[in-house]
C-alpha atoms as a PDB file:
ATOM      1  CA  MET A   1      17.331 -11.390 -19.205  1.00  0.00           C
ATOM      2  CA  GLN A   2      16.943 -13.801 -16.487  1.00  0.00           C
ATOM      3  CA  GLN A   3      18.820 -11.347 -14.065  1.00  0.00           C
ATOM      4  CA  PHE A   4      15.936  -8.892 -14.984  1.00  0.00           C
ATOM      5  CA  ALA A   5      13.421 -11.426 -14.845  1.00  0.00           C
ATOM      6  CA  ARG A   6      14.733 -11.708 -10.884  1.00  0.00           C
ATOM      7  CA  ILE A   7      14.643  -8.128 -10.273  1.00  0.00           C
ATOM      8  CA  GLY A   8      11.132  -7.826 -11.349  1.00  0.00           C
ATOM      9  CA  LEU A   9       9.842 -10.905  -9.234  1.00  0.00           C
ATOM     10  CA  MET A  10      11.471  -9.690  -6.567  1.00  0.00           C
ATOM     11  CA  ALA A  11       9.751  -5.925  -6.666  1.00  0.00           C
ATOM     12  CA  LEU A  12       6.486  -7.873  -7.556  1.00  0.00           C
ATOM     13  CA  ALA A  13       7.150  -9.424  -4.040  1.00  0.00           C
ATOM     14  CA  VAL A  14       8.036  -6.566  -2.334  1.00  0.00           C
ATOM     15  CA  SER A  15       5.267  -3.898  -3.586  1.00  0.00           C
ATOM     16  CA  ASP A  16       2.737  -6.911  -2.823  1.00  0.00           C
ATOM     17  CA  SER A  17       4.110  -6.924   0.503  1.00  0.00           C
ATOM     18  CA  MET A  18       3.981  -4.024   1.171  1.00  0.00           C
ATOM     19  CA  PHE A  19       0.264  -3.581  -0.155  1.00  0.00           C
ATOM     20  CA  CYS A  20      -0.486  -6.047   2.349  1.00  0.00           C
ATOM     21  CA  LEU A  21       1.241  -4.113   5.148  1.00  0.00           C
ATOM     22  CA  SER A  22      -0.142  -1.141   4.429  1.00  0.00           C
ATOM     23  CA  ILE A  23      -4.173  -2.667   3.873  1.00  0.00           C
ATOM     24  CA  LEU A  24      -3.658  -4.224   7.156  1.00  0.00           C
ATOM     25  CA  PRO A  25      -4.637  -0.953   9.630  1.00  0.00           C
ATOM     26  CA  HIS A  26      -7.653  -1.024   8.333  1.00  0.00           C
ATOM     27  CA  ALA A  27      -9.112  -3.547  10.323  1.00  0.00           C
ATOM     28  CA  TRP A  28      -8.360  -1.342  13.587  1.00  0.00           C
ATOM     29  CA  ALA A  29      -7.998   2.533  12.187  1.00  0.00           C
ATOM     30  CA  GLU A  30     -11.106   4.111  13.433  1.00  0.00           C
ATOM     31  CA  ARG A  31     -12.142   7.478  12.640  1.00  0.00           C
ATOM     32  CA  ASP A  32     -13.683   9.883  15.302  1.00  0.00           C
ATOM     33  CA  PRO A  33     -15.510  12.571  13.328  1.00  0.00           C
ATOM     34  CA  LEU A  34     -15.258  14.958  16.567  1.00  0.00           C
ATOM     35  CA  SER A  35     -11.880  14.502  16.912  1.00  0.00           C
ATOM     36  CA  THR A  36      -9.491  17.658  16.309  1.00  0.00           C
ATOM     37  CA  SER A  37      -6.099  16.224  17.105  1.00  0.00           C
ATOM     38  CA  ILE A  38      -4.015  14.497  14.563  1.00  0.00           C
ATOM     39  CA  SER A  39      -3.448  10.896  14.739  1.00  0.00           C
ATOM     40  CA  PHE A  40      -2.995   7.613  12.634  1.00  0.00           C
ATOM     41  CA  SER A  41      -6.181   6.667  12.355  1.00  0.00           C
ATOM     42  CA  VAL A  42      -6.911  10.694  10.645  1.00  0.00           C
ATOM     43  CA  VAL A  43      -4.054  10.425   8.510  1.00  0.00           C
ATOM     44  CA  TYR A  44      -4.790   6.755   7.269  1.00  0.00           C
ATOM     45  CA  SER A  45      -8.472   7.783   6.757  1.00  0.00           C
ATOM     46  CA  ALA A  46      -7.044  10.482   4.349  1.00  0.00           C
ATOM     47  CA  TYR A  47      -4.063   8.929   2.651  1.00  0.00           C
ATOM     48  CA  GLY A  48      -4.751   4.942   2.824  1.00  0.00           C
ATOM     49  CA  GLU A  49      -6.635   4.817  -0.251  1.00  0.00           C
ATOM     50  CA  ALA A  50      -3.720   6.718  -1.954  1.00  0.00           C
ATOM     51  CA  VAL A  51      -1.112   4.631  -0.693  1.00  0.00           C
ATOM     52  CA  PHE A  52      -3.115   1.659  -1.815  1.00  0.00           C
ATOM     53  CA  ASN A  53      -4.064   2.435  -5.111  1.00  0.00           C
ATOM     54  CA  THR A  54      -0.088   2.855  -5.319  1.00  0.00           C
ATOM     55  CA  PHE A  55       0.927  -0.374  -4.503  1.00  0.00           C
ATOM     56  CA  ALA A  56      -1.930  -1.937  -6.721  1.00  0.00           C
ATOM     57  CA  MET A  57      -0.867   0.177  -9.722  1.00  0.00           C
ATOM     58  CA  ILE A  58       2.926  -0.659  -9.208  1.00  0.00           C
ATOM     59  CA  GLY A  59       2.163  -4.486  -8.846  1.00  0.00           C
ATOM     60  CA  THR A  60      -0.151  -4.240 -12.184  1.00  0.00           C
ATOM     61  CA  TRP A  61       2.969  -2.212 -13.956  1.00  0.00           C
ATOM     62  CA  LEU A  62       5.636  -4.811 -12.756  1.00  0.00           C
ATOM     63  CA  THR A  63       3.252  -7.659 -13.940  1.00  0.00           C
ATOM     64  CA  VAL A  64       2.493  -6.082 -17.275  1.00  0.00           C
ATOM     65  CA  THR A  65       6.136  -5.140 -18.277  1.00  0.00           C
END
């Protein structure tokens, strides 16, 4: 039981850290509506919300179980 709690807390810490790292570029990524090339800001604006929600859901799931 103690091993499971330790692994669960470590997984929660990793999930929260990944959430913080994934939301950090939100301050710098600006989407240019006229841009036709693929860049980090285009990909981030398209998939960033899904990544935020995934890490938030993982953190909630680890907290509840």
